[in-house]
Amino acid sequence: MFKAIAVHANSLGYRPKRDKTAAPSYSFVHPKIRRHILRFTLNRGKPILKLKYYAAPEYSTFFHEAIRTTIEEYDYRYTGCYGCGKCDETEGYRYRYQDGREYFRCGTELIELTDIASLPLTETLNLLEKQHYFFLSKQ
């Protein structure tokens, strides 16, 4: 599965770049766009996939719940716009709880996909493409 994702990202022009971390970690960066779209890493020996997909207008519950998990993992601290000036608070993820609370997660951050065994591969590849073409449209 990781190979299929890496090959697809490579076909879109993204190249793996070794991150400067103790654990093996590779971010896929496009040389012309200069933005990363995904990262493969290890956490306690477990393979982790992190992905950007905020450009997709819709995605499955799997990806929607990954946003919730990421927001809750950091105790709601990294929500809202960071004020970096790279976007107008539209480039990111929104999660609405059933009680009406809504959180925004900045699109400069990658979303960790924790349940790799249940990862919908075809949808993942489609989300990569949508995000890539969004990046291209902003050039």
Protein backbone atom coordinates (compact mmCIF):
# COMPACT_ATOMS: atom_id res chain seq x y z
CA MET A 1 0.00 0.00 0.00
CA PHE A 2 2.79 2.42 0.90
CA LYS A 3 4.54 1.61 -2.35
CA ALA A 4 1.39 2.32 -4.40
CA ILE A 5 0.99 5.69 -2.66
CA ALA A 6 4.66 6.57 -3.14
CA VAL A 7 4.58 5.60 -6.82
CA HIS A 8 1.44 7.70 -7.37
CA ALA A 9 2.94 10.72 -5.58
CA ASN A 10 6.07 10.29 -7.68
CA SER A 11 4.00 10.21 -10.88
CA LEU A 12 2.57 13.61 -9.85
CA GLY A 13 6.09 14.99 -9.51
CA TYR A 14 6.64 14.62 -5.75
CA ARG A 15 10.03 13.36 -4.63
CA PRO A 16 10.83 11.75 -1.29
CA LYS A 17 13.08 13.81 0.93
CA ARG A 18 14.58 12.38 4.12
CA ASP A 19 13.43 14.39 7.12
CA LYS A 20 15.94 15.37 9.78
CA THR A 21 14.47 13.19 12.51
CA ALA A 22 15.76 10.33 14.63
CA ALA A 23 13.13 7.93 13.26
CA PRO A 24 13.14 7.20 9.53
CA SER A 25 10.81 9.75 7.96
CA TYR A 26 10.30 10.85 4.36
CA SER A 27 8.26 13.80 3.13
CA PHE A 28 7.15 14.00 -0.48
CA VAL A 29 7.84 17.47 -1.87
CA HIS A 30 7.21 18.84 -5.34
CA PRO A 31 10.26 20.76 -6.62
CA LYS A 32 8.23 23.39 -8.50
CA ILE A 33 5.34 23.79 -6.09
CA ARG A 34 7.62 23.56 -3.02
CA ARG A 35 4.93 22.06 -0.84
CA HIS A 36 4.77 18.66 0.79
CA ILE A 37 1.75 16.46 0.31
CA LEU A 38 2.50 13.37 2.36
CA ARG A 39 4.93 11.83 4.81
CA PHE A 40 5.88 8.27 5.67
CA THR A 41 7.38 7.79 9.11
CA LEU A 42 7.80 5.34 11.94
CA ASN A 43 6.43 5.87 15.44
CA ARG A 44 7.55 3.26 17.97
CA GLY A 45 8.27 0.90 15.10
CA LYS A 46 4.79 1.37 13.62
CA PRO A 47 4.49 2.74 10.05
CA ILE A 48 2.59 6.02 9.88
CA LEU A 49 1.11 7.82 6.89
CA LYS A 50 0.38 11.54 7.06
CA LEU A 51 -1.44 13.23 4.22
CA LYS A 52 -2.85 16.56 3.02
CA TYR A 53 -6.29 16.41 1.46
CA TYR A 54 -8.11 19.61 2.39
CA ALA A 55 -8.62 20.52 -1.29
CA ALA A 56 -11.15 17.71 -1.70
CA PRO A 57 -14.70 19.00 -1.23
CA GLU A 58 -15.83 15.62 0.12
CA TYR A 59 -14.21 12.50 1.51
CA SER A 60 -15.26 9.38 3.35
CA THR A 61 -15.84 8.98 7.06
CA PHE A 62 -12.39 7.40 7.34
CA PHE A 63 -10.69 10.67 6.40
CA HIS A 64 -13.19 12.84 8.28
CA GLU A 65 -12.57 10.90 11.50
CA ALA A 66 -8.80 11.19 10.98
CA ILE A 67 -9.25 14.95 11.31
CA ARG A 68 -11.11 14.50 14.61
CA THR A 69 -8.45 12.13 15.90
CA THR A 70 -5.70 14.60 15.01
CA ILE A 71 -7.52 17.51 16.67
CA GLU A 72 -8.15 15.51 19.85
CA GLU A 73 -4.64 14.06 19.93
CA TYR A 74 -3.27 17.55 20.55
CA ASP A 75 -6.06 18.51 23.00
CA TYR A 76 -7.52 21.09 20.57
CA ARG A 77 -4.32 23.20 20.85
CA TYR A 78 -3.40 23.34 17.17
CA THR A 79 -6.70 24.51 15.79
CA GLY A 80 -7.65 27.74 14.12
CA CYS A 81 -5.63 29.81 11.71
CA TYR A 82 -1.94 30.17 12.59
CA GLY A 83 -1.78 33.59 10.95
CA CYS A 84 1.14 32.59 8.74
CA GLY A 85 -0.26 34.48 5.75
CA LYS A 86 -0.17 31.48 3.42
CA CYS A 87 -3.95 31.25 3.13
CA ASP A 88 -7.18 33.01 4.02
CA GLU A 89 -8.42 30.35 6.46
CA THR A 90 -9.93 28.34 3.64
CA GLU A 91 -6.98 26.02 3.19
CA GLY A 92 -7.60 23.56 5.93
CA TYR A 93 -9.92 21.04 7.51
CA ARG A 94 -13.17 21.57 9.37
CA TYR A 95 -14.64 19.16 11.87
CA ARG A 96 -18.07 19.63 13.43
CA TYR A 97 -19.06 17.66 16.50
CA GLN A 98 -22.66 16.55 17.05
CA ASP A 99 -23.00 19.11 19.87
CA GLY A 100 -22.30 21.92 17.37
CA ARG A 101 -18.67 22.64 18.22
CA GLU A 102 -16.63 23.23 15.09
CA TYR A 103 -12.86 23.26 14.74
CA PHE A 104 -10.57 24.34 11.94
CA ARG A 105 -7.23 22.59 11.44
CA CYS A 106 -4.71 24.52 9.34
CA GLY A 107 -3.88 22.96 5.97
CA THR A 108 -0.15 23.50 6.46
CA GLU A 109 -0.37 20.49 8.78
CA LEU A 110 -0.56 16.89 7.64
CA ILE A 111 -3.33 14.63 8.95
CA GLU A 112 -2.17 11.34 10.42
CA LEU A 113 -4.02 8.31 9.10
CA THR A 114 -3.88 5.94 12.05
CA ASP A 115 -5.85 2.92 10.87
CA ILE A 116 -3.61 1.91 7.97
CA ALA A 117 -5.23 -1.54 7.71
CA SER A 118 -8.56 0.10 6.80
CA LEU A 119 -7.10 2.75 4.50
CA PRO A 120 -9.19 3.09 1.32
CA LEU A 121 -6.34 3.05 -1.21
CA THR A 122 -8.28 4.21 -4.28
CA GLU A 123 -9.73 7.16 -2.40
CA THR A 124 -6.28 8.00 -0.98
CA LEU A 125 -4.82 8.18 -4.48
CA ASN A 126 -7.73 10.36 -5.64
CA LEU A 127 -7.25 12.71 -2.69
CA LEU A 128 -3.55 13.03 -3.56
CA GLU A 129 -4.49 14.07 -7.09
CA LYS A 130 -7.09 16.61 -5.94
CA GLN A 131 -4.62 18.15 -3.51
CA HIS A 132 -1.90 18.26 -6.17
CA TYR A 133 -4.13 20.00 -8.71
CA PHE A 134 -5.22 22.45 -6.03
CA PHE A 135 -1.56 23.30 -5.36
CA LEU A 136 -1.01 23.76 -9.10
CA SER A 137 -3.98 26.11 -9.33
CA LYS A 138 -2.40 28.36 -6.68
CA GLN A 139 0.86 28.79 -8.62
